[in-house]
Every structure is written in C-alpha cells, then in structure tokens.
C-alpha cells in the first residue's frame, strides 16, 4: 500500500502564494509541481480561511504554559520566603529558650 505524501507547511505556503500572485494558473502550477489541482485549491481555501489568525493576538499554548509556569514559580518563591522567615524566627526563639533554660539551670546549681 502506498502512503500519502505529506507536504510541509512551508511547501504548501509557497504553492498557495504562487496561486495568489496569479502569475500562473492553478492547472499550470499543479502540472509543474506534480500535484492535483483540487488539492491546491483546498490548500488555498485553508490558507485564506486561517489568514486572519496571523493578526489575532490571543496567547498561544506555549505562552499560556509559560505564564502558568511563571505564576507557579512566583508562588513557590513566596512560600520559600515565608518558610525562611518562619525558620529564622524559630531559630531565634529556640536560642532564647535554650539561653533561659541554661540561665535557670545555672541558678539552681
């Protein structure tokens, strides 16, 4: 069984741009590239249908993921800061308690 040929997005774009320039007909381009004219027409329709996406500034999946990761990192940094403050406070109080106990133990002896 023969597998279908898969064309890259760059190749499809170059073919569609040749069609849009109207320097050659779809039939001429199809003949020179060894493609079916119907396939070229489908590529052109897809291209024109999605052309508005070029100017649409909705965040991409990668941008969403990056923002999510930055938010997670900031949250973790806040937690580390809070835990550091609590740890320092506990060390200070622990040292004070140990000093008091030593002072009390010194009085009893």
PDB file of N, CA and C in Angstrom:
ATOM      1  N   UNK A   1       0.822  -1.188   0.000  1.00  0.00           N
ATOM      2  CA  UNK A   1       0.000   0.000   0.000  1.00  0.00           C
ATOM      3  C   UNK A   1       0.865   1.250   0.000  1.00  0.00           C
ATOM      4  N   UNK A   2       0.530   2.180  -0.838  1.00  0.00           N
ATOM      5  CA  UNK A   2       1.275   3.428  -0.883  1.00  0.00           C
ATOM      6  C   UNK A   2       0.759   4.383   0.175  1.00  0.00           C
ATOM      7  N   UNK A   3       1.696   5.022   0.871  1.00  0.00           N
ATOM      8  CA  UNK A   3       1.312   6.045   1.829  1.00  0.00           C
ATOM      9  C   UNK A   3       1.137   7.365   1.090  1.00  0.00           C
ATOM     10  N   UNK A   4       0.272   8.199   1.635  1.00  0.00           N
ATOM     11  CA  UNK A   4       0.091   9.512   1.047  1.00  0.00           C
ATOM     12  C   UNK A   4       1.327  10.359   1.310  1.00  0.00           C
ATOM     13  N   UNK A   5       1.639  11.192   0.352  1.00  0.00           N
ATOM     14  CA  UNK A   5       2.757  12.115   0.529  1.00  0.00           C
ATOM     15  C   UNK A   5       2.307  13.242   1.440  1.00  0.00           C
ATOM     16  N   UNK A   6       3.132  13.553   2.416  1.00  0.00           N
ATOM     17  CA  UNK A   6       2.827  14.662   3.309  1.00  0.00           C
ATOM     18  C   UNK A   6       3.760  15.816   2.970  1.00  0.00           C
ATOM     19  N   UNK A   7       3.152  16.952   2.728  1.00  0.00           N
ATOM     20  CA  UNK A   7       3.916  18.139   2.347  1.00  0.00           C
ATOM     21  C   UNK A   7       4.091  19.048   3.547  1.00  0.00           C
ATOM     22  N   UNK A   8       5.211  19.733   3.613  1.00  0.00           N
ATOM     23  CA  UNK A   8       5.470  20.635   4.728  1.00  0.00           C
ATOM     24  C   UNK A   8       4.611  21.890   4.594  1.00  0.00           C
ATOM     25  N   UNK A   9       4.440  22.558   5.702  1.00  0.00           N
ATOM     26  CA  UNK A   9       3.663  23.801   5.703  1.00  0.00           C
ATOM     27  C   UNK A   9       4.337  24.847   4.815  1.00  0.00           C
ATOM     28  N   UNK A  10       5.648  24.864   4.824  1.00  0.00           N
ATOM     29  CA  UNK A  10       6.379  25.837   4.007  1.00  0.00           C
ATOM     30  C   UNK A  10       6.133  25.600   2.518  1.00  0.00           C
ATOM     31  N   UNK A  11       6.133  24.326   2.121  1.00  0.00           N
ATOM     32  CA  UNK A  11       5.897  23.994   0.716  1.00  0.00           C
ATOM     33  C   UNK A  11       4.479  24.399   0.309  1.00  0.00           C
ATOM     34  N   UNK A  12       3.500  24.033   1.143  1.00  0.00           N
ATOM     35  CA  UNK A  12       2.113  24.375   0.843  1.00  0.00           C
ATOM     36  C   UNK A  12       1.948  25.886   0.729  1.00  0.00           C
ATOM     37  N   UNK A  13       2.595  26.624   1.643  1.00  0.00           N
ATOM     38  CA  UNK A  13       2.509  28.083   1.616  1.00  0.00           C
ATOM     39  C   UNK A  13       3.094  28.643   0.332  1.00  0.00           C
ATOM     40  N   UNK A  14       4.231  28.116  -0.089  1.00  0.00           N
ATOM     41  CA  UNK A  14       4.853  28.627  -1.318  1.00  0.00           C
ATOM     42  C   UNK A  14       3.966  28.356  -2.534  1.00  0.00           C
ATOM     43  N   UNK A  15       3.323  27.188  -2.568  1.00  0.00           N
ATOM     44  CA  UNK A  15       2.423  26.871  -3.685  1.00  0.00           C
ATOM     45  C   UNK A  15       1.217  27.814  -3.662  1.00  0.00           C
ATOM     46  N   UNK A  16       0.620  28.006  -2.490  1.00  0.00           N
ATOM     47  CA  UNK A  16      -0.556  28.881  -2.378  1.00  0.00           C
ATOM     48  C   UNK A  16      -0.194  30.316  -2.751  1.00  0.00           C
ATOM     49  N   UNK A  17       0.963  30.779  -2.334  1.00  0.00           N
ATOM     50  CA  UNK A  17       1.369  32.148  -2.682  1.00  0.00           C
ATOM     51  C   UNK A  17       1.548  32.296  -4.191  1.00  0.00           C
ATOM     52  N   UNK A  18       2.044  31.254  -4.841  1.00  0.00           N
ATOM     53  CA  UNK A  18       2.148  31.295  -6.309  1.00  0.00           C
ATOM     54  C   UNK A  18       0.762  31.418  -6.937  1.00  0.00           C
ATOM     55  N   UNK A  19      -0.213  30.714  -6.363  1.00  0.00           N
ATOM     56  CA  UNK A  19      -1.590  30.787  -6.871  1.00  0.00           C
ATOM     57  C   UNK A  19      -2.142  32.188  -6.650  1.00  0.00           C
ATOM     58  N   UNK A  20      -1.916  32.747  -5.465  1.00  0.00           N
ATOM     59  CA  UNK A  20      -2.457  34.068  -5.133  1.00  0.00           C
ATOM     60  C   UNK A  20      -1.835  35.187  -5.967  1.00  0.00           C
ATOM     61  N   UNK A  21      -0.593  35.003  -6.392  1.00  0.00           N
ATOM     62  CA  UNK A  21       0.056  36.018  -7.238  1.00  0.00           C
ATOM     63  C   UNK A  21      -0.568  36.073  -8.632  1.00  0.00           C
ATOM     64  N   UNK A  22      -1.244  34.991  -8.996  1.00  0.00           N
ATOM     65  CA  UNK A  22      -1.933  34.880 -10.291  1.00  0.00           C
ATOM     66  C   UNK A  22      -1.010  35.057 -11.482  1.00  0.00           C
ATOM     67  N   UNK A  23       0.257  34.707 -11.322  1.00  0.00           N
ATOM     68  CA  UNK A  23       1.190  34.731 -12.443  1.00  0.00           C
ATOM     69  C   UNK A  23       1.038  33.451 -13.268  1.00  0.00           C
ATOM     70  N   UNK A  24       0.537  32.388 -12.614  1.00  0.00           N
ATOM     71  CA  UNK A  24       0.284  31.115 -13.285  1.00  0.00           C
ATOM     72  C   UNK A  24      -1.097  30.632 -12.850  1.00  0.00           C
ATOM     73  N   UNK A  25      -1.692  29.788 -13.659  1.00  0.00           N
ATOM     74  CA  UNK A  25      -2.988  29.226 -13.276  1.00  0.00           C
ATOM     75  C   UNK A  25      -2.758  28.061 -12.319  1.00  0.00           C
ATOM     76  N   UNK A  26      -3.825  27.669 -11.656  1.00  0.00           N
ATOM     77  CA  UNK A  26      -3.739  26.528 -10.737  1.00  0.00           C
ATOM     78  C   UNK A  26      -3.315  25.289 -11.516  1.00  0.00           C
ATOM     79  N   UNK A  27      -3.846  25.129 -12.724  1.00  0.00           N
ATOM     80  CA  UNK A  27      -3.509  23.969 -13.547  1.00  0.00           C
ATOM     81  C   UNK A  27      -2.020  23.961 -13.906  1.00  0.00           C
ATOM     82  N   UNK A  28      -1.474  25.125 -14.222  1.00  0.00           N
ATOM     83  CA  UNK A  28      -0.046  25.210 -14.567  1.00  0.00           C
ATOM     84  C   UNK A  28       0.827  24.876 -13.360  1.00  0.00           C
ATOM     85  N   UNK A  29       0.470  25.405 -12.220  1.00  0.00           N
ATOM     86  CA  UNK A  29       1.233  25.129 -11.002  1.00  0.00           C
ATOM     87  C   UNK A  29       1.131  23.649 -10.660  1.00  0.00           C
ATOM     88  N   UNK A  30      -0.067  23.086 -10.775  1.00  0.00           N
ATOM     89  CA  UNK A  30      -0.270  21.668 -10.481  1.00  0.00           C
ATOM     90  C   UNK A  30       0.589  20.806 -11.393  1.00  0.00           C
ATOM     91  N   UNK A  31       0.625  21.158 -12.659  1.00  0.00           N
ATOM     92  CA  UNK A  31       1.426  20.390 -13.619  1.00  0.00           C
ATOM     93  C   UNK A  31       2.913  20.504 -13.310  1.00  0.00           C
ATOM     94  N   UNK A  32       3.368  21.707 -12.999  1.00  0.00           N
ATOM     95  CA  UNK A  32       4.806  21.893 -12.743  1.00  0.00           C
ATOM     96  C   UNK A  32       5.253  21.244 -11.434  1.00  0.00           C
ATOM     97  N   UNK A  33       4.354  21.161 -10.463  1.00  0.00           N
ATOM     98  CA  UNK A  33       4.699  20.589  -9.159  1.00  0.00           C
ATOM     99  C   UNK A  33       4.289  19.117  -9.044  1.00  0.00           C
ATOM    100  N   UNK A  34       3.541  18.635 -10.001  1.00  0.00           N
ATOM    101  CA  UNK A  34       3.078  17.256  -9.950  1.00  0.00           C
ATOM    102  C   UNK A  34       2.006  17.039  -8.894  1.00  0.00           C
ATOM    103  N   UNK A  35       1.136  18.022  -8.740  1.00  0.00           N
ATOM    104  CA  UNK A  35       0.072  17.972  -7.740  1.00  0.00           C
ATOM    105  C   UNK A  35      -1.294  17.967  -8.411  1.00  0.00           C
ATOM    106  N   UNK A  36      -2.292  17.573  -7.652  1.00  0.00           N
ATOM    107  CA  UNK A  36      -3.666  17.615  -8.122  1.00  0.00           C
ATOM    108  C   UNK A  36      -4.191  19.035  -7.935  1.00  0.00           C
ATOM    109  N   UNK A  37      -4.822  19.617  -8.953  1.00  0.00           N
ATOM    110  CA  UNK A  37      -5.354  20.982  -8.830  1.00  0.00           C
ATOM    111  C   UNK A  37      -6.373  21.125  -7.697  1.00  0.00           C
ATOM    112  N   UNK A  38      -7.135  20.065  -7.426  1.00  0.00           N
ATOM    113  CA  UNK A  38      -8.119  20.115  -6.340  1.00  0.00           C
ATOM    114  C   UNK A  38      -7.409  20.285  -5.000  1.00  0.00           C
ATOM    115  N   UNK A  39      -6.275  19.593  -4.843  1.00  0.00           N
ATOM    116  CA  UNK A  39      -5.514  19.700  -3.596  1.00  0.00           C
ATOM    117  C   UNK A  39      -4.995  21.134  -3.417  1.00  0.00           C
ATOM    118  N   UNK A  40      -4.512  21.714  -4.480  1.00  0.00           N
ATOM    119  CA  UNK A  40      -4.020  23.097  -4.414  1.00  0.00           C
ATOM    120  C   UNK A  40      -5.163  24.045  -4.055  1.00  0.00           C
ATOM    121  N   UNK A  41      -6.328  23.824  -4.637  1.00  0.00           N
ATOM    122  CA  UNK A  41      -7.487  24.667  -4.311  1.00  0.00           C
ATOM    123  C   UNK A  41      -7.884  24.506  -2.853  1.00  0.00           C
ATOM    124  N   UNK A  42      -7.786  23.301  -2.320  1.00  0.00           N
ATOM    125  CA  UNK A  42      -8.090  23.057  -0.902  1.00  0.00           C
ATOM    126  C   UNK A  42      -7.077  23.786  -0.014  1.00  0.00           C
ATOM    127  N   UNK A  43      -5.799  23.709  -0.394  1.00  0.00           N
ATOM    128  CA  UNK A  43      -4.762  24.412   0.374  1.00  0.00           C
ATOM    129  C   UNK A  43      -5.033  25.919   0.377  1.00  0.00           C
ATOM    130  N   UNK A  44      -5.412  26.433  -0.779  1.00  0.00           N
ATOM    131  CA  UNK A  44      -5.700  27.862  -0.895  1.00  0.00           C
ATOM    132  C   UNK A  44      -6.874  28.249   0.002  1.00  0.00           C
ATOM    133  N   UNK A  45      -7.937  27.439  -0.005  1.00  0.00           N
ATOM    134  CA  UNK A  45      -9.108  27.725   0.823  1.00  0.00           C
ATOM    135  C   UNK A  45      -8.735  27.687   2.299  1.00  0.00           C
ATOM    136  N   UNK A  46      -7.951  26.688   2.711  1.00  0.00           N
ATOM    137  CA  UNK A  46      -7.498  26.605   4.106  1.00  0.00           C
ATOM    138  C   UNK A  46      -6.656  27.820   4.477  1.00  0.00           C
ATOM    139  N   UNK A  47      -5.776  28.202   3.582  1.00  0.00           N
ATOM    140  CA  UNK A  47      -4.891  29.344   3.808  1.00  0.00           C
ATOM    141  C   UNK A  47      -5.706  30.623   4.015  1.00  0.00           C
ATOM    142  N   UNK A  48      -6.651  30.857   3.136  1.00  0.00           N
ATOM    143  CA  UNK A  48      -7.452  32.072   3.224  1.00  0.00           C
ATOM    144  C   UNK A  48      -8.371  32.051   4.441  1.00  0.00           C
ATOM    145  N   UNK A  49      -8.858  30.870   4.795  1.00  0.00           N
ATOM    146  CA  UNK A  49      -9.735  30.746   5.965  1.00  0.00           C
ATOM    147  C   UNK A  49      -8.984  31.075   7.248  1.00  0.00           C
ATOM    148  N   UNK A  50      -7.724  30.715   7.311  1.00  0.00           N
ATOM    149  CA  UNK A  50      -6.934  30.920   8.532  1.00  0.00           C
ATOM    150  C   UNK A  50      -6.059  32.166   8.486  1.00  0.00           C
ATOM    151  N   UNK A  51      -6.144  32.927   7.436  1.00  0.00           N
ATOM    152  CA  UNK A  51      -5.295  34.116   7.289  1.00  0.00           C
ATOM    153  C   UNK A  51      -5.507  35.118   8.411  1.00  0.00           C
ATOM    154  N   UNK A  52      -6.724  35.234   8.914  1.00  0.00           N
ATOM    155  CA  UNK A  52      -6.993  36.206   9.977  1.00  0.00           C
ATOM    156  C   UNK A  52      -6.276  35.842  11.273  1.00  0.00           C
ATOM    157  N   UNK A  53      -5.919  34.579  11.441  1.00  0.00           N
ATOM    158  CA  UNK A  53      -5.206  34.153  12.647  1.00  0.00           C
ATOM    159  C   UNK A  53      -3.823  34.802  12.767  1.00  0.00           C
ATOM    160  N   UNK A  54      -3.278  35.215  11.658  1.00  0.00           N
ATOM    161  CA  UNK A  54      -1.960  35.848  11.674  1.00  0.00           C
ATOM    162  C   UNK A  54      -1.979  37.104  12.529  1.00  0.00           C
ATOM    163  N   UNK A  55      -3.073  37.829  12.489  1.00  0.00           N
ATOM    164  CA  UNK A  55      -3.168  39.094  13.201  1.00  0.00           C
ATOM    165  C   UNK A  55      -3.905  38.971  14.528  1.00  0.00           C
ATOM    166  N   UNK A  56      -4.338  37.783  14.860  1.00  0.00           N
ATOM    167  CA  UNK A  56      -5.043  37.534  16.114  1.00  0.00           C
ATOM    168  C   UNK A  56      -4.013  37.367  17.222  1.00  0.00           C
ATOM    169  N   UNK A  57      -4.071  38.181  18.254  1.00  0.00           N
ATOM    170  CA  UNK A  57      -3.055  38.163  19.301  1.00  0.00           C
ATOM    171  C   UNK A  57      -3.502  37.413  20.551  1.00  0.00           C
ATOM    172  N   UNK A  58      -4.270  36.367  20.402  1.00  0.00           N
ATOM    173  CA  UNK A  58      -4.593  35.530  21.543  1.00  0.00           C
ATOM    174  C   UNK A  58      -3.326  34.775  21.925  1.00  0.00           C
ATOM    175  N   UNK A  59      -3.129  34.544  23.204  1.00  0.00           N
ATOM    176  CA  UNK A  59      -1.916  33.841  23.614  1.00  0.00           C
ATOM    177  C   UNK A  59      -1.897  32.409  23.079  1.00  0.00           C
ATOM    178  N   UNK A  60      -0.716  31.993  22.657  1.00  0.00           N
ATOM    179  CA  UNK A  60      -0.550  30.629  22.168  1.00  0.00           C
ATOM    180  C   UNK A  60      -0.475  29.681  23.355  1.00  0.00           C
ATOM    181  N   UNK A  61      -0.517  28.405  23.077  1.00  0.00           N
ATOM    182  CA  UNK A  61      -0.412  27.404  24.140  1.00  0.00           C
ATOM    183  C   UNK A  61       0.920  27.551  24.874  1.00  0.00           C
ATOM    184  N   UNK A  62       1.987  27.812  24.130  1.00  0.00           N
ATOM    185  CA  UNK A  62       3.303  27.971  24.752  1.00  0.00           C
ATOM    186  C   UNK A  62       3.325  29.190  25.669  1.00  0.00           C
ATOM    187  N   UNK A  63       2.694  30.278  25.228  1.00  0.00           N
ATOM    188  CA  UNK A  63       2.644  31.479  26.055  1.00  0.00           C
ATOM    189  C   UNK A  63       1.810  31.245  27.313  1.00  0.00           C
ATOM    190  N   UNK A  64       0.703  30.512  27.165  1.00  0.00           N
ATOM    191  CA  UNK A  64      -0.123  30.184  28.326  1.00  0.00           C
ATOM    192  C   UNK A  64       0.654  29.326  29.308  1.00  0.00           C
ATOM    193  N   UNK A  65       1.365  28.343  28.782  1.00  0.00           N
ATOM    194  CA  UNK A  65       2.150  27.449  29.638  1.00  0.00           C
ATOM    195  C   UNK A  65       3.260  28.217  30.351  1.00  0.00           C
ATOM    196  N   UNK A  66       3.910  29.132  29.644  1.00  0.00           N
ATOM    197  CA  UNK A  66       4.970  29.939  30.241  1.00  0.00           C
ATOM    198  C   UNK A  66       4.414  30.821  31.354  1.00  0.00           C
ATOM    199  N   UNK A  67       3.278  31.446  31.126  1.00  0.00           N
ATOM    200  CA  UNK A  67       2.663  32.285  32.153  1.00  0.00           C
ATOM    201  C   UNK A  67       2.289  31.456  33.371  1.00  0.00           C
ATOM    202  N   UNK A  68       1.758  30.276  33.133  1.00  0.00           N
ATOM    203  CA  UNK A  68       1.383  29.378  34.225  1.00  0.00           C
ATOM    204  C   UNK A  68       2.624  28.972  35.026  1.00  0.00           C
ATOM    205  N   UNK A  69       3.697  28.673  34.323  1.00  0.00           N
ATOM    206  CA  UNK A  69       4.941  28.272  34.992  1.00  0.00           C
ATOM    207  C   UNK A  69       5.535  29.432  35.783  1.00  0.00           C
ATOM    208  N   UNK A  70       5.459  30.652  35.242  1.00  0.00           N
ATOM    209  CA  UNK A  70       5.955  31.831  35.966  1.00  0.00           C
ATOM    210  C   UNK A  70       5.144  32.058  37.234  1.00  0.00           C
ATOM    211  N   UNK A  71       3.826  31.881  37.133  1.00  0.00           N
ATOM    212  CA  UNK A  71       2.955  32.050  38.299  1.00  0.00           C
ATOM    213  C   UNK A  71       3.287  31.003  39.365  1.00  0.00           C
ATOM    214  N   UNK A  72       3.501  29.781  38.923  1.00  0.00           N
ATOM    215  CA  UNK A  72       3.849  28.698  39.851  1.00  0.00           C
ATOM    216  C   UNK A  72       5.191  28.982  40.531  1.00  0.00           C
ATOM    217  N   UNK A  73       6.161  29.445  39.757  1.00  0.00           N
ATOM    218  CA  UNK A  73       7.480  29.775  40.303  1.00  0.00           C
ATOM    219  C   UNK A  73       7.369  30.906  41.322  1.00  0.00           C
ATOM    220  N   UNK A  74       6.594  31.937  41.013  1.00  0.00           N
ATOM    221  CA  UNK A  74       6.415  33.060  41.938  1.00  0.00           C
ATOM    222  C   UNK A  74       5.767  32.580  43.233  1.00  0.00           C
ATOM    223  N   UNK A  75       4.774  31.695  43.122  1.00  0.00           N
ATOM    224  CA  UNK A  75       4.105  31.150  44.303  1.00  0.00           C
ATOM    225  C   UNK A  75       5.092  30.358  45.163  1.00  0.00           C
ATOM    226  N   UNK A  76       5.906  29.548  44.501  1.00  0.00           N
ATOM    227  CA  UNK A  76       6.898  28.764  45.243  1.00  0.00           C
ATOM    228  C   UNK A  76       7.933  29.667  45.919  1.00  0.00           C
ATOM    229  N   UNK A  77       8.330  30.742  45.228  1.00  0.00           N
ATOM    230  CA  UNK A  77       9.291  31.675  45.813  1.00  0.00           C
ATOM    231  C   UNK A  77       8.688  32.365  47.037  1.00  0.00           C
ATOM    232  N   UNK A  78       7.405  32.714  46.971  1.00  0.00           N
ATOM    233  CA  UNK A  78       6.735  33.306  48.140  1.00  0.00           C
ATOM    234  C   UNK A  78       6.728  32.324  49.307  1.00  0.00           C
ATOM    235  N   UNK A  79       6.435  31.065  49.011  1.00  0.00           N
ATOM    236  CA  UNK A  79       6.417  30.052  50.069  1.00  0.00           C
ATOM    237  C   UNK A  79       7.801  29.862  50.679  1.00  0.00           C
ATOM    238  N   UNK A  80       8.826  29.838  49.845  1.00  0.00           N
ATOM    239  CA  UNK A  80      10.195  29.699  50.352  1.00  0.00           C
ATOM    240  C   UNK A  80      10.539  30.888  51.239  1.00  0.00           C
ATOM    241  N   UNK A  81      10.164  32.086  50.814  1.00  0.00           N
ATOM    242  CA  UNK A  81      10.414  33.281  51.626  1.00  0.00           C
ATOM    243  C   UNK A  81       9.708  33.203  52.964  1.00  0.00           C
ATOM    244  N   UNK A  82       8.444  32.793  52.957  1.00  0.00           N
ATOM    245  CA  UNK A  82       7.682  32.666  54.197  1.00  0.00           C
ATOM    246  C   UNK A  82       8.313  31.624  55.106  1.00  0.00           C
ATOM    247  N   UNK A  83       8.686  30.487  54.550  1.00  0.00           N
ATOM    248  CA  UNK A  83       9.300  29.432  55.357  1.00  0.00           C
ATOM    249  C   UNK A  83      10.659  29.856  55.913  1.00  0.00           C
ATOM    250  N   UNK A  84      11.398  30.643  55.140  1.00  0.00           N
ATOM    251  CA  UNK A  84      12.690  31.154  55.620  1.00  0.00           C
ATOM    252  C   UNK A  84      12.478  32.073  56.819  1.00  0.00           C
ATOM    253  N   UNK A  85      11.491  32.948  56.724  1.00  0.00           N
ATOM    254  CA  UNK A  85      11.193  33.860  57.836  1.00  0.00           C
ATOM    255  C   UNK A  85      10.777  33.066  59.072  1.00  0.00           C
ATOM    256  N   UNK A  86       9.895  32.095  58.872  1.00  0.00           N
ATOM    257  CA  UNK A  86       9.450  31.276  59.999  1.00  0.00           C
ATOM    258  C   UNK A  86      10.602  30.488  60.607  1.00  0.00           C
ATOM    259  N   UNK A  87      11.460  29.942  59.774  1.00  0.00           N
ATOM    260  CA  UNK A  87      12.613  29.179  60.250  1.00  0.00           C
ATOM    261  C   UNK A  87      13.560  30.065  61.057  1.00  0.00           C
ATOM    262  N   UNK A  88      13.843  31.267  60.546  1.00  0.00           N
ATOM    263  CA  UNK A  88      14.711  32.194  61.277  1.00  0.00           C
ATOM    264  C   UNK A  88      14.099  32.563  62.630  1.00  0.00           C
ATOM    265  N   UNK A  89      12.784  32.810  62.645  1.00  0.00           N
ATOM    266  CA  UNK A  89      12.098  33.152  63.885  1.00  0.00           C
ATOM    267  C   UNK A  89      12.194  31.995  64.884  1.00  0.00           C
ATOM    268  N   UNK A  90      11.962  30.771  64.403  1.00  0.00           N
ATOM    269  CA  UNK A  90      12.042  29.601  65.287  1.00  0.00           C
ATOM    270  C   UNK A  90      13.457  29.396  65.836  1.00  0.00           C
ATOM    271  N   UNK A  91      14.467  29.633  64.989  1.00  0.00           N
ATOM    272  CA  UNK A  91      15.854  29.510  65.461  1.00  0.00           C
ATOM    273  C   UNK A  91      16.121  30.527  66.566  1.00  0.00           C
ATOM    274  N   UNK A  92      15.662  31.762  66.359  1.00  0.00           N
ATOM    275  CA  UNK A  92      15.872  32.817  67.351  1.00  0.00           C
ATOM    276  C   UNK A  92      15.166  32.457  68.656  1.00  0.00           C
ATOM    277  N   UNK A  93      13.899  32.044  68.565  1.00  0.00           N
ATOM    278  CA  UNK A  93      13.147  31.680  69.773  1.00  0.00           C
ATOM    279  C   UNK A  93      13.762  30.459  70.450  1.00  0.00           C
ATOM    280  N   UNK A  94      14.214  29.502  69.663  1.00  0.00           N
ATOM    281  CA  UNK A  94      14.842  28.302  70.220  1.00  0.00           C
ATOM    282  C   UNK A  94      16.115  28.677  70.988  1.00  0.00           C
ATOM    283  N   UNK A  95      16.890  29.596  70.429  1.00  0.00           N
ATOM    284  CA  UNK A  95      18.112  30.050  71.106  1.00  0.00           C
ATOM    285  C   UNK A  95      17.759  30.790  72.395  1.00  0.00           C
ATOM    286  N   UNK A  96      16.691  31.607  72.367  1.00  0.00           N
ATOM    287  CA  UNK A  96      16.263  32.324  73.568  1.00  0.00           C
ATOM    288  C   UNK A  96      15.810  31.347  74.653  1.00  0.00           C
ATOM    289  N   UNK A  97      15.039  30.321  74.256  1.00  0.00           N
ATOM    290  CA  UNK A  97      14.559  29.329  75.215  1.00  0.00           C
ATOM    291  C   UNK A  97      15.742  28.555  75.792  1.00  0.00           C
ATOM    292  N   UNK A  98      16.682  28.183  74.945  1.00  0.00           N
ATOM    293  CA  UNK A  98      17.859  27.452  75.422  1.00  0.00           C
ATOM    294  C   UNK A  98      18.670  28.315  76.386  1.00  0.00           C
ATOM    295  N   UNK A  99      18.778  29.620  76.100  1.00  0.00           N
ATOM    296  CA  UNK A  99      19.508  30.526  76.978  1.00  0.00           C
ATOM    297  C   UNK A  99      18.797  30.660  78.316  1.00  0.00           C
ATOM    298  N   UNK A 100      17.476  30.754  78.311  1.00  0.00           N
ATOM    299  CA  UNK A 100      16.709  30.831  79.561  1.00  0.00           C
ATOM    300  C   UNK A 100      16.872  29.561  80.381  1.00  0.00           C
ATOM    301  N   UNK A 101      16.818  28.424  79.719  1.00  0.00           N
ATOM    302  CA  UNK A 101      16.973  27.150  80.423  1.00  0.00           C
ATOM    303  C   UNK A 101      18.352  27.054  81.034  1.00  0.00           C
ATOM    304  N   UNK A 102      19.341  27.510  80.307  1.00  0.00           N
ATOM    305  CA  UNK A 102      20.716  27.482  80.841  1.00  0.00           C
ATOM    306  C   UNK A 102      20.824  28.437  82.020  1.00  0.00           C
ATOM    307  N   UNK A 103      20.162  29.573  81.917  1.00  0.00           N
ATOM    308  CA  UNK A 103      20.183  30.555  82.997  1.00  0.00           C
ATOM    309  C   UNK A 103      19.479  29.986  84.233  1.00  0.00           C
ATOM    310  N   UNK A 104      18.344  29.344  84.037  1.00  0.00           N
ATOM    311  CA  UNK A 104      17.589  28.745  85.148  1.00  0.00           C
ATOM    312  C   UNK A 104      18.398  27.584  85.751  1.00  0.00           C
ATOM    313  N   UNK A 105      19.010  26.793  84.913  1.00  0.00           N
ATOM    314  CA  UNK A 105      19.818  25.664  85.389  1.00  0.00           C
ATOM    315  C   UNK A 105      21.023  26.169  86.158  1.00  0.00           C
ATOM    316  N   UNK A 106      21.574  27.327  85.745  1.00  0.00           N
ATOM    317  CA  UNK A 106      22.712  27.928  86.453  1.00  0.00           C
ATOM    318  C   UNK A 106      22.306  28.434  87.816  1.00  0.00           C
ATOM    319  N   UNK A 107      21.120  28.917  87.983  1.00  0.00           N
ATOM    320  CA  UNK A 107      20.633  29.418  89.267  1.00  0.00           C
ATOM    321  C   UNK A 107      20.395  28.268  90.250  1.00  0.00           C
ATOM    322  N   UNK A 108      19.901  27.141  89.720  1.00  0.00           N
ATOM    323  CA  UNK A 108      19.589  26.006  90.572  1.00  0.00           C
ATOM    324  C   UNK A 108      20.845  25.335  91.094  1.00  0.00           C
ATOM    325  N   UNK A 109      21.949  25.450  90.404  1.00  0.00           N
ATOM    326  CA  UNK A 109      23.146  24.768  90.869  1.00  0.00           C
ATOM    327  C   UNK A 109      23.886  25.489  91.919  1.00  0.00           C
TER     328      UNK A 109
END
